[in-house]
Amino acid sequence: MAFGRDPKPMSELLKEFMKKIPQQAELKRGMILHLWPGVVGDQINAVTKNLRFEGSRLIVTVTNEAWRFELHANRFSIAKKLNDRVQSKVVKEIVVRT
């Protein structure tokens, strides 16, 4: 191989790059916001009005009380799925508001 090294998989190179950037936490928060629709699905995403971070807390505003109850009941599994996708414990708590 060139320069006497074997090529590394792109996924490994990306992980190494992510560890070196100083804004890693902000980048992962942005990734979480981007991944939200795919994790919760179209129906819940459609009733989500506002999604933002306050530190490690993900604040979610929904359109009515029924959806607030539904999201509140599933907040731990949603947080785990989001954290698993970015391979980091970015979301420590999900707060659902109406």
PDB file of N, CA and C in Angstrom:
ATOM      1  N   MET A   1       0.820  -1.186   0.000  1.00  0.00           N
ATOM      2  CA  MET A   1       0.000   0.000   0.000  1.00  0.00           C
ATOM      3  C   MET A   1       0.869   1.257   0.000  1.00  0.00           C
ATOM      4  N   ALA A   2       0.257   2.359  -0.320  1.00  0.00           N
ATOM      5  CA  ALA A   2       0.964   3.636  -0.349  1.00  0.00           C
ATOM      6  C   ALA A   2       1.451   4.005   1.048  1.00  0.00           C
ATOM      7  N   PHE A   3       2.687   4.430   1.126  1.00  0.00           N
ATOM      8  CA  PHE A   3       3.297   4.880   2.383  1.00  0.00           C
ATOM      9  C   PHE A   3       3.346   3.788   3.438  1.00  0.00           C
ATOM     10  N   GLY A   4       3.190   2.535   3.059  1.00  0.00           N
ATOM     11  CA  GLY A   4       3.331   1.428   3.989  1.00  0.00           C
ATOM     12  C   GLY A   4       2.178   1.270   4.975  1.00  0.00           C
ATOM     13  N   ARG A   5       1.031   1.906   4.718  1.00  0.00           N
ATOM     14  CA  ARG A   5      -0.118   1.781   5.625  1.00  0.00           C
ATOM     15  C   ARG A   5      -1.305   1.208   4.873  1.00  0.00           C
ATOM     16  N   ASP A   6      -2.121   0.475   5.611  1.00  0.00           N
ATOM     17  CA  ASP A   6      -3.376  -0.018   5.037  1.00  0.00           C
ATOM     18  C   ASP A   6      -4.420   1.086   5.127  1.00  0.00           C
ATOM     19  N   PRO A   7      -5.301   1.175   4.149  1.00  0.00           N
ATOM     20  CA  PRO A   7      -6.346   2.210   4.206  1.00  0.00           C
ATOM     21  C   PRO A   7      -7.330   1.920   5.341  1.00  0.00           C
ATOM     22  N   LYS A   8      -7.824   2.995   5.943  1.00  0.00           N
ATOM     23  CA  LYS A   8      -8.801   2.856   7.023  1.00  0.00           C
ATOM     24  C   LYS A   8     -10.199   3.075   6.453  1.00  0.00           C
ATOM     25  N   PRO A   9     -11.186   2.410   7.048  1.00  0.00           N
ATOM     26  CA  PRO A   9     -12.571   2.649   6.608  1.00  0.00           C
ATOM     27  C   PRO A   9     -12.971   4.104   6.879  1.00  0.00           C
ATOM     28  N   MET A  10     -13.811   4.640   6.026  1.00  0.00           N
ATOM     29  CA  MET A  10     -14.264   6.020   6.163  1.00  0.00           C
ATOM     30  C   MET A  10     -14.945   6.246   7.510  1.00  0.00           C
ATOM     31  N   SER A  11     -15.701   5.272   8.008  1.00  0.00           N
ATOM     32  CA  SER A  11     -16.381   5.435   9.298  1.00  0.00           C
ATOM     33  C   SER A  11     -15.378   5.635  10.430  1.00  0.00           C
ATOM     34  N   GLU A  12     -14.252   4.941  10.370  1.00  0.00           N
ATOM     35  CA  GLU A  12     -13.210   5.087  11.388  1.00  0.00           C
ATOM     36  C   GLU A  12     -12.544   6.457  11.290  1.00  0.00           C
ATOM     37  N   LEU A  13     -12.286   6.908  10.064  1.00  0.00           N
ATOM     38  CA  LEU A  13     -11.696   8.231   9.872  1.00  0.00           C
ATOM     39  C   LEU A  13     -12.623   9.331  10.364  1.00  0.00           C
ATOM     40  N   LEU A  14     -13.916   9.181  10.119  1.00  0.00           N
ATOM     41  CA  LEU A  14     -14.885  10.169  10.573  1.00  0.00           C
ATOM     42  C   LEU A  14     -14.942  10.222  12.096  1.00  0.00           C
ATOM     43  N   LYS A  15     -14.899   9.066  12.759  1.00  0.00           N
ATOM     44  CA  LYS A  15     -14.885   9.039  14.228  1.00  0.00           C
ATOM     45  C   LYS A  15     -13.651   9.746  14.778  1.00  0.00           C
ATOM     46  N   GLU A  16     -12.506   9.518  14.171  1.00  0.00           N
ATOM     47  CA  GLU A  16     -11.274  10.181  14.606  1.00  0.00           C
ATOM     48  C   GLU A  16     -11.381  11.692  14.428  1.00  0.00           C
ATOM     49  N   PHE A  17     -11.950  12.115  13.307  1.00  0.00           N
ATOM     50  CA  PHE A  17     -12.132  13.547  13.051  1.00  0.00           C
ATOM     51  C   PHE A  17     -13.076  14.166  14.081  1.00  0.00           C
ATOM     52  N   MET A  18     -14.182  13.475  14.380  1.00  0.00           N
ATOM     53  CA  MET A  18     -15.177  13.995  15.323  1.00  0.00           C
ATOM     54  C   MET A  18     -14.574  14.192  16.718  1.00  0.00           C
ATOM     55  N   LYS A  19     -13.657  13.341  17.110  1.00  0.00           N
ATOM     56  CA  LYS A  19     -13.035  13.456  18.429  1.00  0.00           C
ATOM     57  C   LYS A  19     -12.129  14.685  18.534  1.00  0.00           C
ATOM     58  N   LYS A  20     -11.648  15.180  17.397  1.00  0.00           N
ATOM     59  CA  LYS A  20     -10.679  16.260  17.405  1.00  0.00           C
ATOM     60  C   LYS A  20     -11.287  17.654  17.303  1.00  0.00           C
ATOM     61  N   ILE A  21     -12.523  17.773  16.858  1.00  0.00           N
ATOM     62  CA  ILE A  21     -13.089  19.111  16.678  1.00  0.00           C
ATOM     63  C   ILE A  21     -13.562  19.683  18.008  1.00  0.00           C
ATOM     64  N   PRO A  22     -13.322  20.955  18.271  1.00  0.00           N
ATOM     65  CA  PRO A  22     -13.651  21.541  19.568  1.00  0.00           C
ATOM     66  C   PRO A  22     -15.155  21.729  19.798  1.00  0.00           C
ATOM     67  N   GLN A  23     -15.948  21.849  18.763  1.00  0.00           N
ATOM     68  CA  GLN A  23     -17.386  22.066  18.920  1.00  0.00           C
ATOM     69  C   GLN A  23     -18.153  20.750  18.821  1.00  0.00           C
ATOM     70  N   GLN A  24     -17.591  19.698  19.337  1.00  0.00           N
ATOM     71  CA  GLN A  24     -18.188  18.369  19.213  1.00  0.00           C
ATOM     72  C   GLN A  24     -19.579  18.304  19.841  1.00  0.00           C
ATOM     73  N   ALA A  25     -19.759  18.873  21.016  1.00  0.00           N
ATOM     74  CA  ALA A  25     -21.064  18.822  21.687  1.00  0.00           C
ATOM     75  C   ALA A  25     -22.125  19.544  20.870  1.00  0.00           C
ATOM     76  N   GLU A  26     -21.794  20.723  20.349  1.00  0.00           N
ATOM     77  CA  GLU A  26     -22.759  21.476  19.545  1.00  0.00           C
ATOM     78  C   GLU A  26     -23.100  20.734  18.258  1.00  0.00           C
ATOM     79  N   LEU A  27     -22.116  20.116  17.658  1.00  0.00           N
ATOM     80  CA  LEU A  27     -22.337  19.360  16.436  1.00  0.00           C
ATOM     81  C   LEU A  27     -23.277  18.192  16.702  1.00  0.00           C
ATOM     82  N   LYS A  28     -23.061  17.490  17.794  1.00  0.00           N
ATOM     83  CA  LYS A  28     -23.914  16.342  18.110  1.00  0.00           C
ATOM     84  C   LYS A  28     -25.331  16.787  18.471  1.00  0.00           C
ATOM     85  N   ARG A  29     -25.478  17.945  19.101  1.00  0.00           N
ATOM     86  CA  ARG A  29     -26.825  18.469  19.362  1.00  0.00           C
ATOM     87  C   ARG A  29     -27.538  18.763  18.050  1.00  0.00           C
ATOM     88  N   GLY A  30     -26.815  19.336  17.104  1.00  0.00           N
ATOM     89  CA  GLY A  30     -27.388  19.584  15.786  1.00  0.00           C
ATOM     90  C   GLY A  30     -27.771  18.296  15.083  1.00  0.00           C
ATOM     91  N   MET A  31     -26.956  17.276  15.248  1.00  0.00           N
ATOM     92  CA  MET A  31     -27.265  15.973  14.656  1.00  0.00           C
ATOM     93  C   MET A  31     -28.539  15.407  15.268  1.00  0.00           C
ATOM     94  N   ILE A  32     -28.701  15.570  16.584  1.00  0.00           N
ATOM     95  CA  ILE A  32     -29.912  15.091  17.269  1.00  0.00           C
ATOM     96  C   ILE A  32     -31.143  15.776  16.689  1.00  0.00           C
ATOM     97  N   LEU A  33     -31.090  17.095  16.526  1.00  0.00           N
ATOM     98  CA  LEU A  33     -32.222  17.837  15.979  1.00  0.00           C
ATOM     99  C   LEU A  33     -32.543  17.362  14.561  1.00  0.00           C
ATOM    100  N   HIS A  34     -31.523  17.051  13.803  1.00  0.00           N
ATOM    101  CA  HIS A  34     -31.712  16.559  12.442  1.00  0.00           C
ATOM    102  C   HIS A  34     -32.298  15.139  12.433  1.00  0.00           C
ATOM    103  N   LEU A  35     -31.913  14.318  13.396  1.00  0.00           N
ATOM    104  CA  LEU A  35     -32.360  12.924  13.450  1.00  0.00           C
ATOM    105  C   LEU A  35     -33.756  12.760  14.050  1.00  0.00           C
ATOM    106  N   TRP A  36     -34.258  13.777  14.751  1.00  0.00           N
ATOM    107  CA  TRP A  36     -35.547  13.701  15.431  1.00  0.00           C
ATOM    108  C   TRP A  36     -36.660  13.115  14.556  1.00  0.00           C
ATOM    109  N   PRO A  37     -36.927  13.639  13.354  1.00  0.00           N
ATOM    110  CA  PRO A  37     -38.044  13.111  12.553  1.00  0.00           C
ATOM    111  C   PRO A  37     -37.915  11.616  12.251  1.00  0.00           C
ATOM    112  N   GLY A  38     -36.723  11.156  11.966  1.00  0.00           N
ATOM    113  CA  GLY A  38     -36.524   9.746  11.650  1.00  0.00           C
ATOM    114  C   GLY A  38     -36.702   8.837  12.849  1.00  0.00           C
ATOM    115  N   VAL A  39     -36.401   9.339  14.030  1.00  0.00           N
ATOM    116  CA  VAL A  39     -36.514   8.528  15.239  1.00  0.00           C
ATOM    117  C   VAL A  39     -37.961   8.467  15.735  1.00  0.00           C
ATOM    118  N   VAL A  40     -38.658   9.602  15.742  1.00  0.00           N
ATOM    119  CA  VAL A  40     -40.027   9.624  16.299  1.00  0.00           C
ATOM    120  C   VAL A  40     -41.097   9.331  15.262  1.00  0.00           C
ATOM    121  N   GLY A  41     -40.798   9.477  13.990  1.00  0.00           N
ATOM    122  CA  GLY A  41     -41.775   9.199  12.945  1.00  0.00           C
ATOM    123  C   GLY A  41     -42.503  10.460  12.489  1.00  0.00           C
ATOM    124  N   ASP A  42     -43.181  10.338  11.362  1.00  0.00           N
ATOM    125  CA  ASP A  42     -43.852  11.480  10.748  1.00  0.00           C
ATOM    126  C   ASP A  42     -44.984  12.040  11.593  1.00  0.00           C
ATOM    127  N   GLN A  43     -45.750  11.163  12.240  1.00  0.00           N
ATOM    128  CA  GLN A  43     -46.913  11.613  13.000  1.00  0.00           C
ATOM    129  C   GLN A  43     -46.505  12.489  14.185  1.00  0.00           C
ATOM    130  N   ILE A  44     -45.540  12.051  14.958  1.00  0.00           N
ATOM    131  CA  ILE A  44     -45.088  12.849  16.105  1.00  0.00           C
ATOM    132  C   ILE A  44     -44.333  14.080  15.623  1.00  0.00           C
ATOM    133  N   ASN A  45     -43.528  13.937  14.597  1.00  0.00           N
ATOM    134  CA  ASN A  45     -42.802  15.084  14.070  1.00  0.00           C
ATOM    135  C   ASN A  45     -43.769  16.175  13.601  1.00  0.00           C
ATOM    136  N   ALA A  46     -44.902  15.778  13.055  1.00  0.00           N
ATOM    137  CA  ALA A  46     -45.882  16.744  12.559  1.00  0.00           C
ATOM    138  C   ALA A  46     -46.500  17.578  13.688  1.00  0.00           C
ATOM    139  N   VAL A  47     -46.549  17.042  14.908  1.00  0.00           N
ATOM    140  CA  VAL A  47     -47.143  17.784  16.034  1.00  0.00           C
ATOM    141  C   VAL A  47     -46.083  18.461  16.898  1.00  0.00           C
ATOM    142  N   THR A  48     -44.831  18.326  16.514  1.00  0.00           N
ATOM    143  CA  THR A  48     -43.745  18.977  17.239  1.00  0.00           C
ATOM    144  C   THR A  48     -43.592  20.396  16.707  1.00  0.00           C
ATOM    145  N   LYS A  49     -43.805  21.395  17.599  1.00  0.00           N
ATOM    146  CA  LYS A  49     -43.713  22.794  17.183  1.00  0.00           C
ATOM    147  C   LYS A  49     -42.321  23.370  17.391  1.00  0.00           C
ATOM    148  N   ASN A  50     -41.696  22.995  18.460  1.00  0.00           N
ATOM    149  CA  ASN A  50     -40.411  23.594  18.801  1.00  0.00           C
ATOM    150  C   ASN A  50     -39.527  22.513  19.409  1.00  0.00           C
ATOM    151  N   LEU A  51     -38.308  22.444  18.961  1.00  0.00           N
ATOM    152  CA  LEU A  51     -37.350  21.454  19.431  1.00  0.00           C
ATOM    153  C   LEU A  51     -36.039  22.179  19.641  1.00  0.00           C
ATOM    154  N   ARG A  52     -35.552  22.166  20.892  1.00  0.00           N
ATOM    155  CA  ARG A  52     -34.316  22.893  21.176  1.00  0.00           C
ATOM    156  C   ARG A  52     -33.614  22.277  22.384  1.00  0.00           C
ATOM    157  N   PHE A  53     -32.363  22.628  22.544  1.00  0.00           N
ATOM    158  CA  PHE A  53     -31.582  22.163  23.680  1.00  0.00           C
ATOM    159  C   PHE A  53     -31.419  23.267  24.704  1.00  0.00           C
ATOM    160  N   GLU A  54     -31.467  22.893  25.965  1.00  0.00           N
ATOM    161  CA  GLU A  54     -31.036  23.722  27.089  1.00  0.00           C
ATOM    162  C   GLU A  54     -30.015  22.871  27.829  1.00  0.00           C
ATOM    163  N   GLY A  55     -28.757  23.068  27.511  1.00  0.00           N
ATOM    164  CA  GLY A  55     -27.710  22.205  28.059  1.00  0.00           C
ATOM    165  C   GLY A  55     -27.862  20.805  27.489  1.00  0.00           C
ATOM    166  N   SER A  56     -28.011  19.817  28.355  1.00  0.00           N
ATOM    167  CA  SER A  56     -28.189  18.435  27.898  1.00  0.00           C
ATOM    168  C   SER A  56     -29.661  18.026  27.908  1.00  0.00           C
ATOM    169  N   ARG A  57     -30.541  18.983  28.172  1.00  0.00           N
ATOM    170  CA  ARG A  57     -31.990  18.715  28.159  1.00  0.00           C
ATOM    171  C   ARG A  57     -32.559  19.073  26.787  1.00  0.00           C
ATOM    172  N   LEU A  58     -33.279  18.130  26.194  1.00  0.00           N
ATOM    173  CA  LEU A  58     -33.960  18.370  24.931  1.00  0.00           C
ATOM    174  C   LEU A  58     -35.379  18.816  25.254  1.00  0.00           C
ATOM    175  N   ILE A  59     -35.721  20.039  24.871  1.00  0.00           N
ATOM    176  CA  ILE A  59     -37.035  20.610  25.138  1.00  0.00           C
ATOM    177  C   ILE A  59     -37.888  20.440  23.884  1.00  0.00           C
ATOM    178  N   VAL A  60     -39.028  19.775  24.050  1.00  0.00           N
ATOM    179  CA  VAL A  60     -39.922  19.493  22.939  1.00  0.00           C
ATOM    180  C   VAL A  60     -41.277  20.131  23.246  1.00  0.00           C
ATOM    181  N   THR A  61     -41.795  20.938  22.324  1.00  0.00           N
ATOM    182  CA  THR A  61     -43.126  21.519  22.465  1.00  0.00           C
ATOM    183  C   THR A  61     -44.026  20.864  21.431  1.00  0.00           C
ATOM    184  N   VAL A  62     -45.168  20.359  21.903  1.00  0.00           N
ATOM    185  CA  VAL A  62     -46.121  19.695  21.019  1.00  0.00           C
ATOM    186  C   VAL A  62     -47.445  20.453  21.023  1.00  0.00           C
ATOM    187  N   THR A  63     -48.334  20.103  20.091  1.00  0.00           N
ATOM    188  CA  THR A  63     -49.548  20.880  19.868  1.00  0.00           C
ATOM    189  C   THR A  63     -50.661  20.646  20.876  1.00  0.00           C
ATOM    190  N   ASN A  64     -50.697  19.477  21.538  1.00  0.00           N
ATOM    191  CA  ASN A  64     -51.787  19.245  22.496  1.00  0.00           C
ATOM    192  C   ASN A  64     -51.369  18.301  23.620  1.00  0.00           C
ATOM    193  N   GLU A  65     -52.236  18.213  24.624  1.00  0.00           N
ATOM    194  CA  GLU A  65     -51.945  17.415  25.827  1.00  0.00           C
ATOM    195  C   GLU A  65     -51.816  15.928  25.541  1.00  0.00           C
ATOM    196  N   ALA A  66     -52.596  15.404  24.617  1.00  0.00           N
ATOM    197  CA  ALA A  66     -52.532  13.972  24.306  1.00  0.00           C
ATOM    198  C   ALA A  66     -51.143  13.595  23.786  1.00  0.00           C
ATOM    199  N   TRP A  67     -50.606  14.420  22.906  1.00  0.00           N
ATOM    200  CA  TRP A  67     -49.261  14.156  22.385  1.00  0.00           C
ATOM    201  C   TRP A  67     -48.209  14.395  23.456  1.00  0.00           C
ATOM    202  N   ARG A  68     -48.433  15.358  24.323  1.00  0.00           N
ATOM    203  CA  ARG A  68     -47.495  15.587  25.427  1.00  0.00           C
ATOM    204  C   ARG A  68     -47.407  14.339  26.297  1.00  0.00           C
ATOM    205  N   PHE A  69     -48.564  13.751  26.624  1.00  0.00           N
ATOM    206  CA  PHE A  69     -48.590  12.532  27.437  1.00  0.00           C
ATOM    207  C   PHE A  69     -47.873  11.389  26.722  1.00  0.00           C
ATOM    208  N   GLU A  70     -48.152  11.231  25.426  1.00  0.00           N
ATOM    209  CA  GLU A  70     -47.538  10.157  24.636  1.00  0.00           C
ATOM    210  C   GLU A  70     -46.011  10.289  24.606  1.00  0.00           C
ATOM    211  N   LEU A  71     -45.524  11.476  24.332  1.00  0.00           N
ATOM    212  CA  LEU A  71     -44.074  11.693  24.294  1.00  0.00           C
ATOM    213  C   LEU A  71     -43.443  11.550  25.670  1.00  0.00           C
ATOM    214  N   HIS A  72     -44.131  12.052  26.682  1.00  0.00           N
ATOM    215  CA  HIS A  72     -43.612  11.951  28.048  1.00  0.00           C
ATOM    216  C   HIS A  72     -43.463  10.480  28.442  1.00  0.00           C
ATOM    217  N   ALA A  73     -44.434   9.665  28.073  1.00  0.00           N
ATOM    218  CA  ALA A  73     -44.393   8.241  28.415  1.00  0.00           C
ATOM    219  C   ALA A  73     -43.252   7.513  27.702  1.00  0.00           C
ATOM    220  N   ASN A  74     -42.864   8.000  26.533  1.00  0.00           N
ATOM    221  CA  ASN A  74     -41.825   7.332  25.734  1.00  0.00           C
ATOM    222  C   ASN A  74     -40.497   8.077  25.710  1.00  0.00           C
ATOM    223  N   ARG A  75     -40.322   9.060  26.578  1.00  0.00           N
ATOM    224  CA  ARG A  75     -39.145   9.928  26.511  1.00  0.00           C
ATOM    225  C   ARG A  75     -37.829   9.189  26.728  1.00  0.00           C
ATOM    226  N   PHE A  76     -37.808   8.169  27.572  1.00  0.00           N
ATOM    227  CA  PHE A  76     -36.556   7.458  27.824  1.00  0.00           C
ATOM    228  C   PHE A  76     -36.123   6.641  26.602  1.00  0.00           C
ATOM    229  N   SER A  77     -37.072   5.973  25.956  1.00  0.00           N
ATOM    230  CA  SER A  77     -36.710   5.184  24.771  1.00  0.00           C
ATOM    231  C   SER A  77     -36.324   6.096  23.606  1.00  0.00           C
ATOM    232  N   ILE A  78     -36.987   7.255  23.475  1.00  0.00           N
ATOM    233  CA  ILE A  78     -36.630   8.201  22.420  1.00  0.00           C
ATOM    234  C   ILE A  78     -35.217   8.742  22.649  1.00  0.00           C
ATOM    235  N   ALA A  79     -34.912   9.106  23.892  1.00  0.00           N
ATOM    236  CA  ALA A  79     -33.575   9.616  24.218  1.00  0.00           C
ATOM    237  C   ALA A  79     -32.510   8.565  23.923  1.00  0.00           C
ATOM    238  N   LYS A  80     -32.793   7.307  24.269  1.00  0.00           N
ATOM    239  CA  LYS A  80     -31.826   6.240  24.011  1.00  0.00           C
ATOM    240  C   LYS A  80     -31.587   6.066  22.516  1.00  0.00           C
ATOM    241  N   LYS A  81     -32.654   6.096  21.723  1.00  0.00           N
ATOM    242  CA  LYS A  81     -32.503   5.942  20.271  1.00  0.00           C
ATOM    243  C   LYS A  81     -31.690   7.095  19.681  1.00  0.00           C
ATOM    244  N   LEU A  82     -31.976   8.316  20.123  1.00  0.00           N
ATOM    245  CA  LEU A  82     -31.234   9.474  19.624  1.00  0.00           C
ATOM    246  C   LEU A  82     -29.763   9.376  20.012  1.00  0.00           C
ATOM    247  N   ASN A  83     -29.496   9.054  21.266  1.00  0.00           N
ATOM    248  CA  ASN A  83     -28.113   8.930  21.737  1.00  0.00           C
ATOM    249  C   ASN A  83     -27.366   7.808  21.009  1.00  0.00           C
ATOM    250  N   ASP A  84     -28.070   6.703  20.756  1.00  0.00           N
ATOM    251  CA  ASP A  84     -27.443   5.591  20.038  1.00  0.00           C
ATOM    252  C   ASP A  84     -27.049   6.008  18.626  1.00  0.00           C
ATOM    253  N   ARG A  85     -27.876   6.827  17.992  1.00  0.00           N
ATOM    254  CA  ARG A  85     -27.594   7.259  16.615  1.00  0.00           C
ATOM    255  C   ARG A  85     -26.336   8.120  16.534  1.00  0.00           C
ATOM    256  N   VAL A  86     -26.093   8.947  17.562  1.00  0.00           N
ATOM    257  CA  VAL A  86     -24.895   9.803  17.531  1.00  0.00           C
ATOM    258  C   VAL A  86     -23.750   9.210  18.347  1.00  0.00           C
ATOM    259  N   GLN A  87     -23.975   8.030  18.896  1.00  0.00           N
ATOM    260  CA  GLN A  87     -22.976   7.296  19.670  1.00  0.00           C
ATOM    261  C   GLN A  87     -22.384   8.127  20.801  1.00  0.00           C
ATOM    262  N   SER A  88     -23.272   8.822  21.522  1.00  0.00           N
ATOM    263  CA  SER A  88     -22.859   9.656  22.639  1.00  0.00           C
ATOM    264  C   SER A  88     -24.082   9.968  23.493  1.00  0.00           C
ATOM    265  N   LYS A  89     -23.868  10.247  24.769  1.00  0.00           N
ATOM    266  CA  LYS A  89     -24.988  10.574  25.658  1.00  0.00           C
ATOM    267  C   LYS A  89     -25.223  12.085  25.620  1.00  0.00           C
ATOM    268  N   VAL A  90     -25.760  12.566  24.522  1.00  0.00           N
ATOM    269  CA  VAL A  90     -26.023  13.981  24.313  1.00  0.00           C
ATOM    270  C   VAL A  90     -27.297  14.387  25.037  1.00  0.00           C
ATOM    271  N   VAL A  91     -28.346  13.569  24.901  1.00  0.00           N
ATOM    272  CA  VAL A  91     -29.645  13.856  25.521  1.00  0.00           C
ATOM    273  C   VAL A  91     -29.701  13.136  26.870  1.00  0.00           C
ATOM    274  N   LYS A  92     -29.662  13.914  27.941  1.00  0.00           N
ATOM    275  CA  LYS A  92     -29.769  13.301  29.280  1.00  0.00           C
ATOM    276  C   LYS A  92     -31.202  13.313  29.768  1.00  0.00           C
ATOM    277  N   GLU A  93     -32.015  14.210  29.219  1.00  0.00           N
ATOM    278  CA  GLU A  93     -33.406  14.322  29.645  1.00  0.00           C
ATOM    279  C   GLU A  93     -34.219  14.939  28.507  1.00  0.00           C
ATOM    280  N   ILE A  94     -35.459  14.468  28.355  1.00  0.00           N
ATOM    281  CA  ILE A  94     -36.387  15.077  27.412  1.00  0.00           C
ATOM    282  C   ILE A  94     -37.522  15.694  28.210  1.00  0.00           C
ATOM    283  N   VAL A  95     -37.764  16.970  27.991  1.00  0.00           N
ATOM    284  CA  VAL A  95     -38.843  17.704  28.651  1.00  0.00           C
ATOM    285  C   VAL A  95     -39.885  18.010  27.588  1.00  0.00           C
ATOM    286  N   VAL A  96     -41.137  17.582  27.838  1.00  0.00           N
ATOM    287  CA  VAL A  96     -42.194  17.774  26.864  1.00  0.00           C
ATOM    288  C   VAL A  96     -43.161  18.822  27.379  1.00  0.00           C
ATOM    289  N   ARG A  97     -43.439  19.824  26.548  1.00  0.00           N
ATOM    290  CA  ARG A  97     -44.322  20.927  26.916  1.00  0.00           C
ATOM    291  C   ARG A  97     -45.406  21.100  25.862  1.00  0.00           C
ATOM    292  N   THR A  98     -46.508  21.748  26.278  1.00  0.00           N
ATOM    293  CA  THR A  98     -47.568  22.088  25.323  1.00  0.00           C
ATOM    294  C   THR A  98     -47.656  23.570  25.167  1.00  0.00           C
TER     295      THR A  98
END
